[in-house]
C-alpha atoms as a PDB file:
ATOM      1  CA  MET A   1     -61.406 -62.831  70.287  1.00  0.00           C
ATOM      2  CA  ASP A   2     -60.126 -61.293  67.052  1.00  0.00           C
ATOM      3  CA  GLN A   3     -58.584 -63.698  64.576  1.00  0.00           C
ATOM      4  CA  PRO A   4     -55.078 -62.846  63.305  1.00  0.00           C
ATOM      5  CA  ASN A   5     -54.592 -62.569  59.582  1.00  0.00           C
ATOM      6  CA  SER A   6     -52.868 -65.868  58.811  1.00  0.00           C
ATOM      7  CA  SER A   7     -51.938 -64.742  55.307  1.00  0.00           C
ATOM      8  CA  LEU A   8     -49.862 -61.914  56.772  1.00  0.00           C
ATOM      9  CA  LEU A   9     -48.663 -63.636  59.929  1.00  0.00           C
ATOM     10  CA  SER A  10     -46.361 -66.054  58.164  1.00  0.00           C
ATOM     11  CA  SER A  11     -42.742 -66.535  59.133  1.00  0.00           C
ATOM     12  CA  SER A  12     -41.546 -65.730  55.623  1.00  0.00           C
ATOM     13  CA  PHE A  13     -43.569 -62.519  55.543  1.00  0.00           C
ATOM     14  CA  LEU A  14     -42.296 -61.479  58.958  1.00  0.00           C
ATOM     15  CA  SER A  15     -38.668 -62.155  58.039  1.00  0.00           C
ATOM     16  CA  GLN A  16     -39.034 -59.762  55.119  1.00  0.00           C
ATOM     17  CA  LEU A  17     -40.281 -57.008  57.446  1.00  0.00           C
ATOM     18  CA  ILE A  18     -37.673 -57.468  60.181  1.00  0.00           C
ATOM     19  CA  SER A  19     -34.344 -56.256  58.832  1.00  0.00           C
ATOM     20  CA  GLN A  20     -32.289 -57.336  61.849  1.00  0.00           C
ATOM     21  CA  LYS A  21     -32.493 -60.539  63.829  1.00  0.00           C
ATOM     22  CA  LEU A  22     -32.048 -60.184  67.567  1.00  0.00           C
ATOM     23  CA  ASN A  23     -28.472 -60.560  68.749  1.00  0.00           C
ATOM     24  CA  HIS A  24     -26.609 -59.517  71.870  1.00  0.00           C
ATOM     25  CA  SER A  25     -26.296 -55.836  70.900  1.00  0.00           C
ATOM     26  CA  ASN A  26     -29.378 -54.706  68.938  1.00  0.00           C
ATOM     27  CA  TYR A  27     -32.299 -55.379  71.285  1.00  0.00           C
ATOM     28  CA  LEU A  28     -33.881 -51.916  71.082  1.00  0.00           C
ATOM     29  CA  THR A  29     -33.719 -51.780  67.295  1.00  0.00           C
ATOM     30  CA  TRP A  30     -35.177 -55.285  67.023  1.00  0.00           C
ATOM     31  CA  LYS A  31     -37.889 -54.468  69.559  1.00  0.00           C
ATOM     32  CA  ARG A  32     -39.041 -51.358  67.687  1.00  0.00           C
ATOM     33  CA  GLN A  33     -39.509 -53.365  64.500  1.00  0.00           C
ATOM     34  CA  ILE A  34     -41.322 -56.350  65.962  1.00  0.00           C
ATOM     35  CA  VAL A  35     -43.586 -54.378  68.326  1.00  0.00           C
ATOM     36  CA  SER A  36     -45.019 -52.426  65.412  1.00  0.00           C
ATOM     37  CA  PHE A  37     -45.691 -55.681  63.595  1.00  0.00           C
ATOM     38  CA  ILE A  38     -47.364 -57.295  66.604  1.00  0.00           C
ATOM     39  CA  LYS A  39     -49.539 -54.254  67.312  1.00  0.00           C
ATOM     40  CA  SER A  40     -50.699 -54.110  63.707  1.00  0.00           C
ATOM     41  CA  HIS A  41     -52.164 -57.591  64.156  1.00  0.00           C
ATOM     42  CA  ARG A  42     -53.801 -56.834  67.507  1.00  0.00           C
ATOM     43  CA  LEU A  43     -51.687 -59.336  69.410  1.00  0.00           C
ATOM     44  CA  TYR A  44     -49.747 -56.954  71.662  1.00  0.00           C
ATOM     45  CA  GLY A  45     -51.857 -57.993  74.646  1.00  0.00           C
ATOM     46  CA  HIS A  46     -50.163 -61.397  74.519  1.00  0.00           C
ATOM     47  CA  ILE A  47     -46.783 -59.865  75.376  1.00  0.00           C
ATOM     48  CA  ASP A  48     -47.795 -57.072  77.767  1.00  0.00           C
ATOM     49  CA  GLY A  49     -50.140 -59.215  79.851  1.00  0.00           C
ATOM     50  CA  THR A  50     -53.373 -57.389  79.017  1.00  0.00           C
ATOM     51  CA  THR A  51     -54.768 -60.445  77.230  1.00  0.00           C
ATOM     52  CA  PRO A  52     -55.003 -62.944  80.106  1.00  0.00           C
ATOM     53  CA  THR A  53     -54.854 -66.660  79.619  1.00  0.00           C
ATOM     54  CA  PRO A  54     -58.392 -68.132  79.694  1.00  0.00           C
ATOM     55  CA  PRO A  55     -58.940 -71.251  81.829  1.00  0.00           C
ATOM     56  CA  LYS A  56     -58.114 -74.437  79.994  1.00  0.00           C
ATOM     57  CA  TYR A  57     -61.260 -76.175  81.214  1.00  0.00           C
ATOM     58  CA  ILE A  58     -64.698 -74.916  82.142  1.00  0.00           C
ATOM     59  CA  ASP A  59     -67.474 -76.463  84.201  1.00  0.00           C
ATOM     60  CA  ARG A  60     -70.917 -76.663  82.720  1.00  0.00           C
ATOM     61  CA  GLU A  61     -74.033 -77.575  84.620  1.00  0.00           C
ATOM     62  CA  VAL A  62     -76.427 -79.984  82.909  1.00  0.00           C
ATOM     63  CA  LYS A  63     -79.987 -80.505  84.113  1.00  0.00           C
ATOM     64  CA  ARG A  64     -81.332 -84.040  83.935  1.00  0.00           C
ATOM     65  CA  THR A  65     -84.885 -85.241  84.368  1.00  0.00           C
ATOM     66  CA  VAL A  66     -85.217 -88.256  86.643  1.00  0.00           C
ATOM     67  CA  VAL A  67     -88.392 -90.334  86.729  1.00  0.00           C
ATOM     68  CA  ALA A  68     -88.731 -92.458  89.863  1.00  0.00           C
ATOM     69  CA  ASP A  69     -91.363 -95.155  90.128  1.00  0.00           C
ATOM     70  CA  GLN A  70     -93.208 -95.026  93.469  1.00  0.00           C
ATOM     71  CA  GLY A  71     -93.580 -98.790  93.545  1.00  0.00           C
ATOM     72  CA  VAL A  72     -96.324-101.373  93.050  1.00  0.00           C
ATOM     73  CA  GLY A  73     -99.644-100.773  94.812  1.00  0.00           C
ATOM     74  CA  THR A  74     -99.213 -97.055  95.215  1.00  0.00           C
ATOM     75  CA  THR A  75    -101.567 -94.579  93.704  1.00  0.00           C
ATOM     76  CA  ALA A  76     -99.051 -91.761  93.541  1.00  0.00           C
ATOM     77  CA  GLY A  77     -97.671 -93.011  90.247  1.00  0.00           C
ATOM     78  CA  SER A  78     -94.197 -92.032  89.066  1.00  0.00           C
ATOM     79  CA  GLU A  79     -92.205 -89.195  90.611  1.00  0.00           C
ATOM     80  CA  ILE A  80     -90.506 -86.766  88.283  1.00  0.00           C
ATOM     81  CA  ARG A  81     -87.616 -84.701  89.559  1.00  0.00           C
ATOM     82  CA  PHE A  82     -84.736 -82.653  88.114  1.00  0.00           C
ATOM     83  CA  GLU A  83     -81.099 -83.123  88.972  1.00  0.00           C
ATOM     84  CA  CYS A  84     -78.089 -80.913  88.059  1.00  0.00           C
ATOM     85  CA  GLU A  85     -74.822 -82.471  86.975  1.00  0.00           C
ATOM     86  CA  THR A  86     -71.506 -80.600  86.503  1.00  0.00           C
ATOM     87  CA  LEU A  87     -69.495 -81.538  83.443  1.00  0.00           C
ATOM     88  CA  THR A  88     -65.881 -80.454  82.837  1.00  0.00           C
ATOM     89  CA  GLU A  89     -65.200 -79.518  79.254  1.00  0.00           C
ATOM     90  CA  ASN A  90     -62.390 -78.043  77.181  1.00  0.00           C
ATOM     91  CA  ASN A  91     -62.655 -74.254  76.957  1.00  0.00           C
ATOM     92  CA  HIS A  92     -62.992 -73.128  73.346  1.00  0.00           C
ATOM     93  CA  GLU A  93     -61.733 -69.624  74.224  1.00  0.00           C
ATOM     94  CA  TYR A  94     -58.541 -71.151  75.597  1.00  0.00           C
ATOM     95  CA  GLU A  95     -58.008 -73.099  72.408  1.00  0.00           C
ATOM     96  CA  VAL A  96     -58.382 -69.928  70.317  1.00  0.00           C
ATOM     97  CA  TRP A  97     -56.076 -67.986  72.667  1.00  0.00           C
ATOM     98  CA  LEU A  98     -53.468 -70.763  72.540  1.00  0.00           C
ATOM     99  CA  ALA A  99     -53.504 -70.802  68.737  1.00  0.00           C
ATOM    100  CA  HIS A 100     -52.903 -67.038  68.641  1.00  0.00           C
ATOM    101  CA  ASP A 101     -50.265 -67.190  71.362  1.00  0.00           C
ATOM    102  CA  GLN A 102     -48.214 -70.020  69.886  1.00  0.00           C
ATOM    103  CA  SER A 103     -48.379 -68.432  66.451  1.00  0.00           C
ATOM    104  CA  LEU A 104     -46.886 -65.318  68.035  1.00  0.00           C
ATOM    105  CA  VAL A 105     -44.178 -67.413  69.706  1.00  0.00           C
ATOM    106  CA  ALA A 106     -43.287 -68.867  66.314  1.00  0.00           C
ATOM    107  CA  TYR A 107     -43.132 -65.420  64.733  1.00  0.00           C
ATOM    108  CA  ILE A 108     -40.910 -64.041  67.502  1.00  0.00           C
ATOM    109  CA  THR A 109     -38.486 -66.970  67.423  1.00  0.00           C
ATOM    110  CA  SER A 110     -38.175 -66.619  63.640  1.00  0.00           C
ATOM    111  CA  THR A 111     -36.566 -63.196  64.264  1.00  0.00           C
ATOM    112  CA  LEU A 112     -33.930 -64.471  66.705  1.00  0.00           C
ATOM    113  CA  SER A 113     -30.341 -65.139  65.747  1.00  0.00           C
ATOM    114  CA  LYS A 114     -28.981 -68.643  66.273  1.00  0.00           C
ATOM    115  CA  GLU A 115     -27.038 -67.708  69.414  1.00  0.00           C
ATOM    116  CA  VAL A 116     -30.103 -66.097  71.004  1.00  0.00           C
ATOM    117  CA  LEU A 117     -32.467 -68.887  69.978  1.00  0.00           C
ATOM    118  CA  GLY A 118     -30.146 -71.459  71.531  1.00  0.00           C
ATOM    119  CA  GLY A 119     -30.707 -69.917  74.959  1.00  0.00           C
ATOM    120  CA  VAL A 120     -34.521 -69.924  74.790  1.00  0.00           C
ATOM    121  CA  ASP A 121     -36.499 -72.626  76.585  1.00  0.00           C
ATOM    122  CA  ASP A 122     -39.220 -74.669  74.921  1.00  0.00           C
ATOM    123  CA  ASP A 123     -42.932 -74.586  75.744  1.00  0.00           C
ATOM    124  CA  LEU A 124     -43.110 -70.895  76.586  1.00  0.00           C
ATOM    125  CA  THR A 125     -46.056 -68.602  76.147  1.00  0.00           C
ATOM    126  CA  ALA A 126     -45.516 -65.393  74.192  1.00  0.00           C
ATOM    127  CA  LEU A 127     -45.472 -63.406  77.447  1.00  0.00           C
ATOM    128  CA  GLU A 128     -42.881 -65.724  79.003  1.00  0.00           C
ATOM    129  CA  LEU A 129     -40.710 -65.585  75.886  1.00  0.00           C
ATOM    130  CA  TRP A 130     -40.964 -61.801  75.672  1.00  0.00           C
ATOM    131  CA  SER A 131     -40.054 -61.382  79.340  1.00  0.00           C
ATOM    132  CA  THR A 132     -37.097 -63.733  78.965  1.00  0.00           C
ATOM    133  CA  LEU A 133     -35.690 -61.753  76.041  1.00  0.00           C
ATOM    134  CA  ALA A 134     -36.237 -58.416  77.770  1.00  0.00           C
ATOM    135  CA  THR A 135     -34.461 -59.589  80.918  1.00  0.00           C
ATOM    136  CA  ALA A 136     -31.511 -60.981  78.981  1.00  0.00           C
ATOM    137  CA  TYR A 137     -30.906 -58.231  76.416  1.00  0.00           C
ATOM    138  CA  SER A 138     -32.590 -54.940  77.312  1.00  0.00           C
ATOM    139  CA  GLN A 139     -30.123 -54.033  80.056  1.00  0.00           C
ATOM    140  CA  VAL A 140     -27.003 -52.883  78.268  1.00  0.00           C
ATOM    141  CA  SER A 141     -23.975 -52.843  80.519  1.00  0.00           C
ATOM    142  CA  GLU A 142     -22.533 -49.589  81.762  1.00  0.00           C
ATOM    143  CA  ALA A 143     -19.201 -50.630  80.282  1.00  0.00           C
ATOM    144  CA  ARG A 144     -20.717 -50.656  76.777  1.00  0.00           C
ATOM    145  CA  PHE A 145     -22.115 -47.146  77.229  1.00  0.00           C
ATOM    146  CA  LEU A 146     -18.822 -45.777  78.555  1.00  0.00           C
ATOM    147  CA  GLN A 147     -16.908 -47.401  75.700  1.00  0.00           C
ATOM    148  CA  LEU A 148     -19.138 -45.779  73.061  1.00  0.00           C
ATOM    149  CA  LYS A 149     -19.103 -42.437  74.851  1.00  0.00           C
ATOM    150  CA  ARG A 150     -15.297 -42.453  74.953  1.00  0.00           C
ATOM    151  CA  GLN A 151     -15.163 -43.483  71.293  1.00  0.00           C
ATOM    152  CA  PHE A 152     -17.450 -40.590  70.358  1.00  0.00           C
ATOM    153  CA  GLN A 153     -15.334 -38.039  72.226  1.00  0.00           C
ATOM    154  CA  ASP A 154     -12.092 -39.294  70.659  1.00  0.00           C
ATOM    155  CA  ILE A 155     -13.225 -39.054  67.004  1.00  0.00           C
ATOM    156  CA  LYS A 156     -10.794 -36.981  64.878  1.00  0.00           C
ATOM    157  CA  ARG A 157     -10.805 -36.337  61.154  1.00  0.00           C
ATOM    158  CA  GLY A 158      -7.113 -36.989  60.636  1.00  0.00           C
ATOM    159  CA  MET A 159      -6.397 -37.518  56.937  1.00  0.00           C
ATOM    160  CA  ARG A 160      -9.913 -38.652  56.091  1.00  0.00           C
ATOM    161  CA  THR A 161     -12.450 -36.841  53.966  1.00  0.00           C
ATOM    162  CA  VAL A 162     -15.191 -34.836  55.614  1.00  0.00           C
ATOM    163  CA  LEU A 163     -17.738 -37.437  54.526  1.00  0.00           C
ATOM    164  CA  GLU A 164     -15.848 -40.297  56.184  1.00  0.00           C
ATOM    165  CA  TYR A 165     -15.306 -38.223  59.321  1.00  0.00           C
ATOM    166  CA  LEU A 166     -18.950 -37.168  59.728  1.00  0.00           C
ATOM    167  CA  ASN A 167     -20.178 -40.679  58.944  1.00  0.00           C
ATOM    168  CA  GLU A 168     -18.189 -41.996  61.901  1.00  0.00           C
ATOM    169  CA  ILE A 169     -19.721 -39.372  64.184  1.00  0.00           C
ATOM    170  CA  LYS A 170     -23.194 -40.321  63.014  1.00  0.00           C
ATOM    171  CA  GLY A 171     -22.462 -44.045  63.289  1.00  0.00           C
ATOM    172  CA  VAL A 172     -21.304 -43.863  66.906  1.00  0.00           C
ATOM    173  CA  SER A 173     -24.211 -41.526  67.728  1.00  0.00           C
ATOM    174  CA  ASP A 174     -26.638 -44.075  66.290  1.00  0.00           C
ATOM    175  CA  GLN A 175     -25.111 -46.838  68.416  1.00  0.00           C
ATOM    176  CA  LEU A 176     -25.518 -44.701  71.532  1.00  0.00           C
ATOM    177  CA  ALA A 177     -29.145 -44.040  70.616  1.00  0.00           C
ATOM    178  CA  ILE A 178     -29.793 -47.763  70.176  1.00  0.00           C
ATOM    179  CA  ILE A 179     -28.697 -48.483  73.749  1.00  0.00           C
ATOM    180  CA  GLY A 180     -30.849 -45.668  75.098  1.00  0.00           C
ATOM    181  CA  HIS A 181     -28.339 -42.787  75.223  1.00  0.00           C
ATOM    182  CA  PRO A 182     -29.124 -40.521  72.263  1.00  0.00           C
ATOM    183  CA  VAL A 183     -26.633 -37.785  71.367  1.00  0.00           C
ATOM    184  CA  SER A 184     -28.097 -34.319  70.945  1.00  0.00           C
ATOM    185  CA  ASP A 185     -27.689 -32.503  67.651  1.00  0.00           C
ATOM    186  CA  LYS A 186     -25.655 -29.795  69.402  1.00  0.00           C
ATOM    187  CA  ASP A 187     -23.228 -32.354  70.839  1.00  0.00           C
ATOM    188  CA  LYS A 188     -22.707 -33.871  67.391  1.00  0.00           C
ATOM    189  CA  VAL A 189     -21.967 -30.433  65.939  1.00  0.00           C
ATOM    190  CA  GLN A 190     -19.504 -29.536  68.686  1.00  0.00           C
ATOM    191  CA  GLN A 191     -17.718 -32.867  68.359  1.00  0.00           C
ATOM    192  CA  ALA A 192     -17.513 -32.454  64.587  1.00  0.00           C
ATOM    193  CA  LEU A 193     -15.972 -28.992  64.907  1.00  0.00           C
ATOM    194  CA  SER A 194     -13.521 -29.963  67.644  1.00  0.00           C
ATOM    195  CA  GLY A 195     -12.023 -32.818  65.603  1.00  0.00           C
ATOM    196  CA  LEU A 196     -11.604 -31.137  62.207  1.00  0.00           C
ATOM    197  CA  GLY A 197      -8.009 -30.026  62.671  1.00  0.00           C
ATOM    198  CA  THR A 198      -6.069 -26.853  61.810  1.00  0.00           C
ATOM    199  CA  GLU A 199      -6.737 -27.185  58.083  1.00  0.00           C
ATOM    200  CA  PHE A 200     -10.208 -25.865  58.816  1.00  0.00           C
ATOM    201  CA  ASP A 201      -9.153 -22.766  60.791  1.00  0.00           C
ATOM    202  CA  ILE A 202     -10.693 -20.524  58.130  1.00  0.00           C
ATOM    203  CA  PHE A 203     -13.927 -22.460  58.441  1.00  0.00           C
ATOM    204  CA  TYR A 204     -13.891 -21.938  62.205  1.00  0.00           C
ATOM    205  CA  THR A 205     -13.623 -18.202  61.781  1.00  0.00           C
ATOM    206  CA  ALA A 206     -16.440 -18.180  59.216  1.00  0.00           C
ATOM    207  CA  LEU A 207     -18.814 -19.465  61.895  1.00  0.00           C
ATOM    208  CA  GLU A 208     -17.952 -16.997  64.642  1.00  0.00           C
ATOM    209  CA  VAL A 209     -20.402 -14.386  63.429  1.00  0.00           C
ATOM    210  CA  LEU A 210     -23.275 -16.803  64.020  1.00  0.00           C
ATOM    211  CA  PRO A 211     -25.134 -16.406  67.346  1.00  0.00           C
ATOM    212  CA  VAL A 212     -25.914 -20.122  67.478  1.00  0.00           C
ATOM    213  CA  LEU A 213     -24.409 -23.266  66.048  1.00  0.00           C
ATOM    214  CA  PRO A 214     -25.869 -24.665  62.825  1.00  0.00           C
ATOM    215  CA  SER A 215     -27.612 -28.020  62.908  1.00  0.00           C
ATOM    216  CA  PHE A 216     -25.595 -31.133  62.160  1.00  0.00           C
ATOM    217  CA  GLU A 217     -27.137 -31.435  58.695  1.00  0.00           C
ATOM    218  CA  ASP A 218     -26.434 -27.757  57.942  1.00  0.00           C
ATOM    219  CA  LEU A 219     -22.876 -28.126  59.198  1.00  0.00           C
ATOM    220  CA  LYS A 220     -22.403 -31.146  56.971  1.00  0.00           C
ATOM    221  CA  ALA A 221     -23.426 -29.164  53.884  1.00  0.00           C
ATOM    222  CA  LYS A 222     -21.148 -26.245  54.817  1.00  0.00           C
ATOM    223  CA  LEU A 223     -18.188 -28.556  55.393  1.00  0.00           C
ATOM    224  CA  PHE A 224     -18.696 -30.316  52.063  1.00  0.00           C
ATOM    225  CA  GLN A 225     -18.714 -26.948  50.306  1.00  0.00           C
ATOM    226  CA  HIS A 226     -15.634 -25.729  52.163  1.00  0.00           C
ATOM    227  CA  GLU A 227     -13.737 -28.942  51.422  1.00  0.00           C
ATOM    228  CA  ALA A 228     -14.586 -28.738  47.718  1.00  0.00           C
ATOM    229  CA  SER A 229     -13.376 -25.122  47.603  1.00  0.00           C
ATOM    230  CA  ARG A 230     -10.099 -26.034  49.296  1.00  0.00           C
ATOM    231  CA  VAL A 231      -9.421 -28.836  46.829  1.00  0.00           C
ATOM    232  CA  GLN A 232     -10.252 -26.592  43.885  1.00  0.00           C
ATOM    233  CA  ARG A 233      -7.897 -23.823  45.073  1.00  0.00           C
ATOM    234  CA  GLN A 234      -5.078 -26.271  45.660  1.00  0.00           C
ATOM    235  CA  ASN A 235      -5.452 -27.672  42.157  1.00  0.00           C
ATOM    236  CA  LEU A 236      -5.216 -24.180  40.624  1.00  0.00           C
ATOM    237  CA  ILE A 237      -1.920 -23.224  42.311  1.00  0.00           C
ATOM    238  CA  PRO A 238       1.396 -24.589  40.933  1.00  0.00           C
ATOM    239  CA  SER A 239       3.180 -26.869  43.387  1.00  0.00           C
ATOM    240  CA  ASN A 240       6.306 -24.634  43.503  1.00  0.00           C
ATOM    241  CA  SER A 241       4.368 -21.508  44.454  1.00  0.00           C
ATOM    242  CA  HIS A 242       4.424 -20.170  47.982  1.00  0.00           C
ATOM    243  CA  HIS A 243       1.457 -18.165  49.160  1.00  0.00           C
ATOM    244  CA  VAL A 244       1.134 -16.856  52.659  1.00  0.00           C
ATOM    245  CA  LEU A 245      -2.251 -16.582  54.303  1.00  0.00           C
ATOM    246  CA  ILE A 246      -2.153 -14.040  57.092  1.00  0.00           C
ATOM    247  CA  THR A 247      -5.387 -13.513  58.978  1.00  0.00           C
ATOM    248  CA  GLY A 248      -5.845 -10.751  61.485  1.00  0.00           C
ATOM    249  CA  THR A 249      -8.330 -12.834  63.348  1.00  0.00           C
ATOM    250  CA  HIS A 250      -5.788 -15.332  64.701  1.00  0.00           C
ATOM    251  CA  ALA A 251      -4.604 -12.879  67.337  1.00  0.00           C
ATOM    252  CA  LEU A 252      -8.110 -12.603  68.736  1.00  0.00           C
ATOM    253  CA  GLN A 253      -8.993 -16.276  68.845  1.00  0.00           C
ATOM    254  CA  GLY A 254      -7.406 -17.025  72.181  1.00  0.00           C
ATOM    255  CA  ASN A 255      -9.354 -14.592  74.402  1.00  0.00           C
ATOM    256  CA  ARG A 256     -12.719 -14.106  72.669  1.00  0.00           C
ATOM    257  CA  THR A 257     -15.935 -15.220  74.327  1.00  0.00           C
ATOM    258  CA  ARG A 258     -17.984 -17.438  72.053  1.00  0.00           C
ATOM    259  CA  PRO A 259     -21.717 -16.663  71.984  1.00  0.00           C
ATOM    260  CA  TRP A 260     -22.705 -20.326  71.538  1.00  0.00           C
ATOM    261  CA  THR A 261     -20.280 -22.283  73.723  1.00  0.00           C
ATOM    262  CA  SER A 262     -19.149 -22.330  77.327  1.00  0.00           C
ATOM    263  CA  GLN A 263     -15.762 -22.432  79.022  1.00  0.00           C
ATOM    264  CA  ALA A 264     -16.282 -26.153  79.452  1.00  0.00           C
ATOM    265  CA  GLY A 265     -16.949 -26.632  75.743  1.00  0.00           C
ATOM    266  CA  MET A 266     -14.600 -27.497  72.955  1.00  0.00           C
ATOM    267  CA  GLY A 267     -11.860 -25.122  74.112  1.00  0.00           C
ATOM    268  CA  ARG A 268     -11.055 -23.309  70.866  1.00  0.00           C
ATOM    269  CA  GLY A 269     -12.481 -20.259  69.134  1.00  0.00           C
ATOM    270  CA  ILE A 270     -14.177 -20.851  65.801  1.00  0.00           C
ATOM    271  CA  LEU A 271     -15.738 -17.503  64.957  1.00  0.00           C
ATOM    272  CA  PRO A 272     -14.481 -14.828  62.478  1.00  0.00           C
ATOM    273  CA  THR A 273     -13.821 -11.249  63.430  1.00  0.00           C
ATOM    274  CA  PRO A 274     -16.879  -9.154  62.453  1.00  0.00           C
ATOM    275  CA  PRO A 275     -16.190  -6.351  59.929  1.00  0.00           C
ATOM    276  CA  GLY A 276     -14.804  -3.230  61.549  1.00  0.00           C
ATOM    277  CA  THR A 277     -13.428  -4.965  64.614  1.00  0.00           C
ATOM    278  CA  ASN A 278     -10.102  -3.605  65.846  1.00  0.00           C
ATOM    279  CA  THR A 279      -7.657  -6.476  65.481  1.00  0.00           C
ATOM    280  CA  THR A 280      -5.004  -4.779  67.669  1.00  0.00           C
ATOM    281  CA  SER A 281      -4.453  -6.916  70.733  1.00  0.00           C
ATOM    282  CA  THR A 282      -1.950  -7.456  73.479  1.00  0.00           C
ATOM    283  CA  THR A 283      -2.078 -11.163  72.688  1.00  0.00           C
ATOM    284  CA  PRO A 284       1.262 -12.302  71.192  1.00  0.00           C
ATOM    285  CA  ARG A 285       1.101 -12.405  67.422  1.00  0.00           C
ATOM    286  CA  ARG A 286       0.852 -15.939  66.006  1.00  0.00           C
ATOM    287  CA  VAL A 287       3.336 -17.044  63.383  1.00  0.00           C
ATOM    288  CA  PRO A 288       1.500 -16.973  60.032  1.00  0.00           C
ATOM    289  CA  THR A 289       0.606 -20.257  58.420  1.00  0.00           C
ATOM    290  CA  TYR A 290       1.431 -20.878  54.770  1.00  0.00           C
ATOM    291  CA  PHE A 291      -1.855 -21.888  53.238  1.00  0.00           C
ATOM    292  CA  TYR A 292      -0.763 -24.466  50.696  1.00  0.00           C
ATOM    293  CA  CYS A 293       2.089 -26.159  52.487  1.00  0.00           C
ATOM    294  CA  ASN A 294       0.333 -25.811  55.870  1.00  0.00           C
ATOM    295  CA  LYS A 295       3.603 -24.976  57.688  1.00  0.00           C
ATOM    296  CA  ARG A 296       4.283 -22.112  60.050  1.00  0.00           C
ATOM    297  CA  GLY A 297       6.930 -19.616  58.890  1.00  0.00           C
ATOM    298  CA  HIS A 298       9.780 -20.271  56.484  1.00  0.00           C
END
């Protein structure tokens, strides 16, 4: 049986590697960290059952030579015979296995939060401890998933910066991934676009010429650039000036088919009219929006 590296398998060393102690909501993140550590020291068999527990005791047969005297007056002399005796001894392999196993138990418990550790029984093997933790914390309730899903769908930018807004989307997405429900890149992009608000109407139209949505990281860069441009333009215009932004594309937004979204998608057009497109439409003309005061009509 391979010997673990005791210089590396110390509680202090392990605590430096494990960034999060196990609590009631981070089981999958904790598991990913500690499994890698355990595998690197060839002890994973202790928690998946592939390293069975050796017997604590073993029987060993010992041969003994017995000399029996045939008695006085006989010419046969002494009789020599062999007898086998079974001795029960401590199994050295069990002792080595137990040392490895209990070291692993100590390492695992050192990564548990106080509330989790308080619910763990004493005198467990590593396999028993691992199974106990998996049963208690790996099954995240359906209510938790639905709560995060609803939170993700309700995210709006409001008055926040683009950075704050996108960070919330990523944060909730990460929480969903931790409980086993990862959010696709496309869903993150669509959610980000749907919650930006009317201040980004021009940005919507700038994406309509694209056959597919950009990735979330690409969208983030484009939104940062657009936000910086908006702030710069607003700082250059005197506060008492009134400038009207009239776009011919607004009249077409309501009825256009989007090449990268479905009728069940976000429910609003975000693509610009390609050059040369006839903007004449039977759709009622929208009241123009004043760019800097963000009010319709005057």
